[in-house]
């Protein structure tokens, strides 16, 4: 039903309008965090994510790709006030 499909539909709609995603995957694939941003902000967001010491296996994708075995997925939308926007280009 719609209640079960709503999260997937929301993620698909978001993926069509804010891409690419900079994501972090922990070695266990249990947790994935992704940052959605405008294409022109990708380099800043990627730099900010890579500079974080707590993140491993950083990749850049053009859409939402949740790996098999993922138990927790967090999606963050980058806006003008996000700390990544202060990164040099």
C-alpha atoms as a PDB file:
ATOM      1  CA  UNK A   1       0.000   0.000   0.000  1.00  0.00           C
ATOM      2  CA  UNK A   2       0.879   3.660  -0.044  1.00  0.00           C
ATOM      3  CA  UNK A   3       2.149   3.632   3.544  1.00  0.00           C
ATOM      4  CA  UNK A   4       4.744   1.013   2.645  1.00  0.00           C
ATOM      5  CA  UNK A   5       5.693   2.723  -0.628  1.00  0.00           C
ATOM      6  CA  UNK A   6       5.922   6.304   0.719  1.00  0.00           C
ATOM      7  CA  UNK A   7       9.556   6.146   1.917  1.00  0.00           C
ATOM      8  CA  UNK A   8      10.746   4.708  -1.392  1.00  0.00           C
ATOM      9  CA  UNK A   9       8.735   7.213  -3.415  1.00  0.00           C
ATOM     10  CA  UNK A  10      10.098  10.100  -1.339  1.00  0.00           C
ATOM     11  CA  UNK A  11      13.683   8.935  -1.805  1.00  0.00           C
ATOM     12  CA  UNK A  12      13.208   8.490  -5.547  1.00  0.00           C
ATOM     13  CA  UNK A  13      11.716  11.970  -5.890  1.00  0.00           C
ATOM     14  CA  UNK A  14      14.541  13.470  -3.849  1.00  0.00           C
ATOM     15  CA  UNK A  15      17.156  11.621  -5.884  1.00  0.00           C
ATOM     16  CA  UNK A  16      15.760  13.104  -9.091  1.00  0.00           C
ATOM     17  CA  UNK A  17      16.052  16.670  -7.804  1.00  0.00           C
ATOM     18  CA  UNK A  18      19.208  16.723  -5.687  1.00  0.00           C
ATOM     19  CA  UNK A  19      22.181  14.837  -6.988  1.00  0.00           C
ATOM     20  CA  UNK A  20      24.860  13.751  -6.757  1.00  0.00           C
ATOM     21  CA  UNK A  21      25.015  12.099  -3.390  1.00  0.00           C
ATOM     22  CA  UNK A  22      28.162  11.930  -1.364  1.00  0.00           C
ATOM     23  CA  UNK A  23      27.856   8.921   0.851  1.00  0.00           C
ATOM     24  CA  UNK A  24      29.779   7.121   3.524  1.00  0.00           C
ATOM     25  CA  UNK A  25      29.660   3.395   4.061  1.00  0.00           C
ATOM     26  CA  UNK A  26      31.008   1.669   7.132  1.00  0.00           C
ATOM     27  CA  UNK A  27      32.925  -1.552   6.554  1.00  0.00           C
ATOM     28  CA  UNK A  28      30.108  -3.642   7.989  1.00  0.00           C
ATOM     29  CA  UNK A  29      27.568  -2.137   5.555  1.00  0.00           C
ATOM     30  CA  UNK A  30      25.311  -1.821   8.598  1.00  0.00           C
ATOM     31  CA  UNK A  31      25.186   1.979   8.386  1.00  0.00           C
ATOM     32  CA  UNK A  32      25.121   4.281   5.379  1.00  0.00           C
ATOM     33  CA  UNK A  33      24.990   8.068   5.523  1.00  0.00           C
ATOM     34  CA  UNK A  34      24.407  10.125   2.399  1.00  0.00           C
ATOM     35  CA  UNK A  35      24.480  13.849   1.703  1.00  0.00           C
ATOM     36  CA  UNK A  36      22.296  15.110  -1.140  1.00  0.00           C
ATOM     37  CA  UNK A  37      23.421  18.354  -2.721  1.00  0.00           C
ATOM     38  CA  UNK A  38      23.197  20.473  -5.841  1.00  0.00           C
ATOM     39  CA  UNK A  39      25.632  19.365  -8.561  1.00  0.00           C
ATOM     40  CA  UNK A  40      27.550  22.639  -8.285  1.00  0.00           C
ATOM     41  CA  UNK A  41      28.134  22.003  -4.544  1.00  0.00           C
ATOM     42  CA  UNK A  42      29.403  18.431  -4.940  1.00  0.00           C
ATOM     43  CA  UNK A  43      33.112  19.238  -4.575  1.00  0.00           C
ATOM     44  CA  UNK A  44      32.577  21.191  -1.353  1.00  0.00           C
ATOM     45  CA  UNK A  45      30.343  18.511   0.142  1.00  0.00           C
ATOM     46  CA  UNK A  46      32.735  15.739  -0.853  1.00  0.00           C
ATOM     47  CA  UNK A  47      35.665  17.620   0.731  1.00  0.00           C
ATOM     48  CA  UNK A  48      33.699  18.165   3.925  1.00  0.00           C
ATOM     49  CA  UNK A  49      32.692  14.488   4.136  1.00  0.00           C
ATOM     50  CA  UNK A  50      36.236  13.257   3.413  1.00  0.00           C
ATOM     51  CA  UNK A  51      37.666  15.594   6.085  1.00  0.00           C
ATOM     52  CA  UNK A  52      35.551  13.943   8.770  1.00  0.00           C
ATOM     53  CA  UNK A  53      37.691  11.402  10.607  1.00  0.00           C
ATOM     54  CA  UNK A  54      34.734   9.209  11.605  1.00  0.00           C
ATOM     55  CA  UNK A  55      33.751   8.336   8.044  1.00  0.00           C
ATOM     56  CA  UNK A  56      35.199   5.544   5.933  1.00  0.00           C
ATOM     57  CA  UNK A  57      34.713   4.313   2.357  1.00  0.00           C
ATOM     58  CA  UNK A  58      33.487   7.606   0.935  1.00  0.00           C
ATOM     59  CA  UNK A  59      32.074   7.387  -2.584  1.00  0.00           C
ATOM     60  CA  UNK A  60      30.200   9.734  -4.899  1.00  0.00           C
ATOM     61  CA  UNK A  61      27.065   8.506  -6.651  1.00  0.00           C
ATOM     62  CA  UNK A  62      24.445   9.999  -8.932  1.00  0.00           C
ATOM     63  CA  UNK A  63      21.520   8.471  -7.104  1.00  0.00           C
ATOM     64  CA  UNK A  64      20.474   6.525  -4.077  1.00  0.00           C
ATOM     65  CA  UNK A  65      22.174   3.159  -3.889  1.00  0.00           C
ATOM     66  CA  UNK A  66      21.689   1.312  -0.631  1.00  0.00           C
ATOM     67  CA  UNK A  67      24.031  -1.676  -0.375  1.00  0.00           C
ATOM     68  CA  UNK A  68      22.762  -5.129   0.492  1.00  0.00           C
ATOM     69  CA  UNK A  69      22.940  -5.702   4.224  1.00  0.00           C
ATOM     70  CA  UNK A  70      22.359  -2.053   5.118  1.00  0.00           C
ATOM     71  CA  UNK A  71      20.538  -1.856   8.444  1.00  0.00           C
ATOM     72  CA  UNK A  72      20.449   1.939   8.820  1.00  0.00           C
ATOM     73  CA  UNK A  73      20.345   4.594   6.086  1.00  0.00           C
ATOM     74  CA  UNK A  74      20.537   8.327   6.825  1.00  0.00           C
ATOM     75  CA  UNK A  75      20.017  10.923   4.107  1.00  0.00           C
ATOM     76  CA  UNK A  76      21.013  14.537   4.755  1.00  0.00           C
ATOM     77  CA  UNK A  77      20.102  17.396   2.433  1.00  0.00           C
ATOM     78  CA  UNK A  78      22.776  20.090   2.157  1.00  0.00           C
ATOM     79  CA  UNK A  79      21.483  23.672   2.260  1.00  0.00           C
ATOM     80  CA  UNK A  80      23.211  27.062   2.142  1.00  0.00           C
ATOM     81  CA  UNK A  81      23.893  27.081   5.910  1.00  0.00           C
ATOM     82  CA  UNK A  82      25.447  23.584   5.954  1.00  0.00           C
ATOM     83  CA  UNK A  83      29.085  23.523   7.205  1.00  0.00           C
ATOM     84  CA  UNK A  84      30.208  22.072   3.854  1.00  0.00           C
ATOM     85  CA  UNK A  85      29.302  25.346   2.144  1.00  0.00           C
ATOM     86  CA  UNK A  86      32.255  26.970   3.928  1.00  0.00           C
ATOM     87  CA  UNK A  87      34.737  24.592   2.279  1.00  0.00           C
ATOM     88  CA  UNK A  88      37.026  26.021  -0.418  1.00  0.00           C
ATOM     89  CA  UNK A  89      36.292  24.950  -3.977  1.00  0.00           C
END
